Amino acid sequence: MVREKDNKGILRSLDWITITIYILLLCLGWMSVCGASYDFEQAGNIFSLSSRSGMQIVWIGTSLILGIVVLSIDERVFESFSYLIYVGFLVLLPVTPFLARDIKASMSWINIGSVR
């Protein structure tokens, strides 16, 4: 028996209101970063990767790609690995203060490879 959700297709099953709000918040956040970090004396390109607003675009693109990947994974994969992921995060909570580096007087970030 084929489920009804499979017949609809992935684009029709998305919550477009939530996606629209997410993209709107991304744009507003990027504009806030541009406004807070813009230097009038060094009027450079706001899309340059050497500026904070340019790096924010990289993170926005990364989040959009990650969102597409998560949406394309079958929900049964999440159901089967949910307990394992939950236990993994529960283990990370008490271990974080011991593995984390001191970044601006905060011991709450773990470096995973080149991701900080």
C-alpha atoms as a PDB file:
ATOM      1  CA  MET A   1       0.000   0.000   0.000  1.00  0.00           C
ATOM      2  CA  VAL A   2       1.410   3.375  -1.033  1.00  0.00           C
ATOM      3  CA  ARG A   3       1.155   6.108   1.540  1.00  0.00           C
ATOM      4  CA  GLU A   4      -0.650   9.313   0.604  1.00  0.00           C
ATOM      5  CA  LYS A   5       2.404  11.415   1.429  1.00  0.00           C
ATOM      6  CA  ASP A   6       4.456   9.590  -1.215  1.00  0.00           C
ATOM      7  CA  ASN A   7       1.942  10.518  -3.912  1.00  0.00           C
ATOM      8  CA  LYS A   8       2.080  14.250  -3.179  1.00  0.00           C
ATOM      9  CA  GLY A   9       5.748  14.807  -3.958  1.00  0.00           C
ATOM     10  CA  ILE A  10       8.327  16.570  -1.869  1.00  0.00           C
ATOM     11  CA  LEU A  11       7.572  20.115  -3.085  1.00  0.00           C
ATOM     12  CA  ARG A  12       3.873  19.867  -2.322  1.00  0.00           C
ATOM     13  CA  SER A  13       4.464  18.411   1.128  1.00  0.00           C
ATOM     14  CA  LEU A  14       6.662  21.313   2.284  1.00  0.00           C
ATOM     15  CA  ASP A  15       5.387  23.983   4.645  1.00  0.00           C
ATOM     16  CA  TRP A  16       5.932  27.000   2.399  1.00  0.00           C
ATOM     17  CA  ILE A  17       4.852  29.524   5.035  1.00  0.00           C
ATOM     18  CA  THR A  18       7.620  28.361   7.374  1.00  0.00           C
ATOM     19  CA  ILE A  19      10.169  28.321   4.547  1.00  0.00           C
ATOM     20  CA  THR A  20       9.174  31.863   3.544  1.00  0.00           C
ATOM     21  CA  ILE A  21       9.519  33.089   7.138  1.00  0.00           C
ATOM     22  CA  TYR A  22      12.915  31.356   7.397  1.00  0.00           C
ATOM     23  CA  ILE A  23      14.204  33.011   4.219  1.00  0.00           C
ATOM     24  CA  LEU A  24      12.852  36.382   5.374  1.00  0.00           C
ATOM     25  CA  LEU A  25      14.677  35.979   8.699  1.00  0.00           C
ATOM     26  CA  LEU A  26      17.863  35.019   6.837  1.00  0.00           C
ATOM     27  CA  CYS A  27      17.658  38.197   4.753  1.00  0.00           C
ATOM     28  CA  LEU A  28      16.921  40.400   7.765  1.00  0.00           C
ATOM     29  CA  GLY A  29      19.770  38.799   9.713  1.00  0.00           C
ATOM     30  CA  TRP A  30      22.174  39.336   6.836  1.00  0.00           C
ATOM     31  CA  MET A  31      21.115  42.989   6.553  1.00  0.00           C
ATOM     32  CA  SER A  32      21.688  43.376  10.313  1.00  0.00           C
ATOM     33  CA  VAL A  33      25.189  41.959   9.988  1.00  0.00           C
ATOM     34  CA  CYS A  34      25.854  44.303   7.049  1.00  0.00           C
ATOM     35  CA  GLY A  35      24.662  47.301   9.020  1.00  0.00           C
ATOM     36  CA  ALA A  36      26.564  46.410  12.170  1.00  0.00           C
ATOM     37  CA  SER A  37      29.866  45.656  10.470  1.00  0.00           C
ATOM     38  CA  TYR A  38      29.940  48.156   7.599  1.00  0.00           C
ATOM     39  CA  ASP A  39      32.919  50.488   7.657  1.00  0.00           C
ATOM     40  CA  PHE A  40      32.333  53.762   5.803  1.00  0.00           C
ATOM     41  CA  GLU A  41      36.044  54.577   5.645  1.00  0.00           C
ATOM     42  CA  GLN A  42      36.839  51.282   3.936  1.00  0.00           C
ATOM     43  CA  ALA A  43      33.798  51.101   1.693  1.00  0.00           C
ATOM     44  CA  GLY A  44      34.474  47.643   0.340  1.00  0.00           C
ATOM     45  CA  ASN A  45      32.259  45.093  -1.245  1.00  0.00           C
ATOM     46  CA  ILE A  46      29.678  43.679   1.172  1.00  0.00           C
ATOM     47  CA  PHE A  47      29.823  40.369  -0.706  1.00  0.00           C
ATOM     48  CA  SER A  48      33.582  39.968  -0.200  1.00  0.00           C
ATOM     49  CA  LEU A  49      34.489  36.869   1.800  1.00  0.00           C
ATOM     50  CA  SER A  50      36.938  38.942   3.836  1.00  0.00           C
ATOM     51  CA  SER A  51      34.064  40.920   5.363  1.00  0.00           C
ATOM     52  CA  ARG A  52      31.642  39.728   8.026  1.00  0.00           C
ATOM     53  CA  SER A  53      28.667  40.119   5.704  1.00  0.00           C
ATOM     54  CA  GLY A  54      30.388  38.033   3.043  1.00  0.00           C
ATOM     55  CA  MET A  55      31.098  35.265   5.538  1.00  0.00           C
ATOM     56  CA  GLN A  56      27.472  35.427   6.639  1.00  0.00           C
ATOM     57  CA  ILE A  57      26.467  34.635   3.056  1.00  0.00           C
ATOM     58  CA  VAL A  58      28.636  31.521   3.245  1.00  0.00           C
ATOM     59  CA  TRP A  59      26.796  30.390   6.376  1.00  0.00           C
ATOM     60  CA  ILE A  60      23.422  31.201   4.798  1.00  0.00           C
ATOM     61  CA  GLY A  61      24.320  29.088   1.766  1.00  0.00           C
ATOM     62  CA  THR A  62      25.536  26.275   4.018  1.00  0.00           C
ATOM     63  CA  SER A  63      22.288  26.316   6.001  1.00  0.00           C
ATOM     64  CA  LEU A  64      20.192  26.238   2.829  1.00  0.00           C
ATOM     65  CA  ILE A  65      22.150  23.273   1.445  1.00  0.00           C
ATOM     66  CA  LEU A  66      21.914  21.465   4.779  1.00  0.00           C
ATOM     67  CA  GLY A  67      18.161  22.127   4.865  1.00  0.00           C
ATOM     68  CA  ILE A  68      17.727  20.633   1.392  1.00  0.00           C
ATOM     69  CA  VAL A  69      19.742  17.566   2.411  1.00  0.00           C
ATOM     70  CA  VAL A  70      17.692  17.079   5.582  1.00  0.00           C
ATOM     71  CA  LEU A  71      14.430  17.450   3.657  1.00  0.00           C
ATOM     72  CA  SER A  72      15.525  14.909   1.064  1.00  0.00           C
ATOM     73  CA  ILE A  73      16.314  12.204   3.650  1.00  0.00           C
ATOM     74  CA  ASP A  74      13.476   9.773   4.266  1.00  0.00           C
ATOM     75  CA  GLU A  75      11.739  10.249   7.609  1.00  0.00           C
ATOM     76  CA  ARG A  76      12.278   6.593   8.519  1.00  0.00           C
ATOM     77  CA  VAL A  77      16.027   7.260   8.735  1.00  0.00           C
ATOM     78  CA  PHE A  78      15.399   9.877  11.412  1.00  0.00           C
ATOM     79  CA  GLU A  79      13.040   7.542  13.247  1.00  0.00           C
ATOM     80  CA  SER A  80      15.557   4.704  13.281  1.00  0.00           C
ATOM     81  CA  PHE A  81      18.519   6.830  14.434  1.00  0.00           C
ATOM     82  CA  SER A  82      16.682   9.226  16.759  1.00  0.00           C
ATOM     83  CA  TYR A  83      17.595   7.429  19.985  1.00  0.00           C
ATOM     84  CA  LEU A  84      21.248   7.140  18.964  1.00  0.00           C
ATOM     85  CA  ILE A  85      21.411  10.862  18.122  1.00  0.00           C
ATOM     86  CA  TYR A  86      19.665  11.736  21.391  1.00  0.00           C
ATOM     87  CA  VAL A  87      22.111   9.673  23.458  1.00  0.00           C
ATOM     88  CA  GLY A  88      25.035  11.208  21.545  1.00  0.00           C
ATOM     89  CA  PHE A  89      23.917  14.724  22.426  1.00  0.00           C
ATOM     90  CA  LEU A  90      23.291  13.721  26.039  1.00  0.00           C
ATOM     91  CA  VAL A  91      26.897  12.487  26.211  1.00  0.00           C
ATOM     92  CA  LEU A  92      28.173  15.735  24.660  1.00  0.00           C
ATOM     93  CA  LEU A  93      26.450  17.927  27.252  1.00  0.00           C
ATOM     94  CA  PRO A  94      28.559  16.997  30.316  1.00  0.00           C
ATOM     95  CA  VAL A  95      31.728  16.459  28.218  1.00  0.00           C
ATOM     96  CA  THR A  96      31.669  19.906  26.570  1.00  0.00           C
ATOM     97  CA  PRO A  97      33.300  21.886  29.427  1.00  0.00           C
ATOM     98  CA  PHE A  98      36.271  19.486  29.371  1.00  0.00           C
ATOM     99  CA  LEU A  99      36.785  19.364  25.585  1.00  0.00           C
ATOM    100  CA  ALA A 100      35.915  22.950  24.724  1.00  0.00           C
ATOM    101  CA  ARG A 101      38.450  25.664  24.106  1.00  0.00           C
ATOM    102  CA  ASP A 102      38.256  29.000  25.863  1.00  0.00           C
ATOM    103  CA  ILE A 103      36.753  31.398  23.325  1.00  0.00           C
ATOM    104  CA  LYS A 104      36.049  34.876  24.671  1.00  0.00           C
ATOM    105  CA  ALA A 105      35.750  33.535  28.240  1.00  0.00           C
ATOM    106  CA  SER A 106      33.226  30.898  27.211  1.00  0.00           C
ATOM    107  CA  MET A 107      33.875  27.160  27.388  1.00  0.00           C
ATOM    108  CA  SER A 108      30.861  26.145  25.317  1.00  0.00           C
ATOM    109  CA  TRP A 109      32.221  25.408  21.837  1.00  0.00           C
ATOM    110  CA  ILE A 110      33.793  22.147  20.661  1.00  0.00           C
ATOM    111  CA  ASN A 111      35.993  22.216  17.567  1.00  0.00           C
ATOM    112  CA  ILE A 112      35.075  19.436  15.153  1.00  0.00           C
ATOM    113  CA  GLY A 113      37.776  19.325  12.508  1.00  0.00           C
ATOM    114  CA  SER A 114      37.998  22.707  10.810  1.00  0.00           C
ATOM    115  CA  VAL A 115      34.524  23.715  12.005  1.00  0.00           C
ATOM    116  CA  ARG A 116      34.609  26.030  15.008  1.00  0.00           C
END
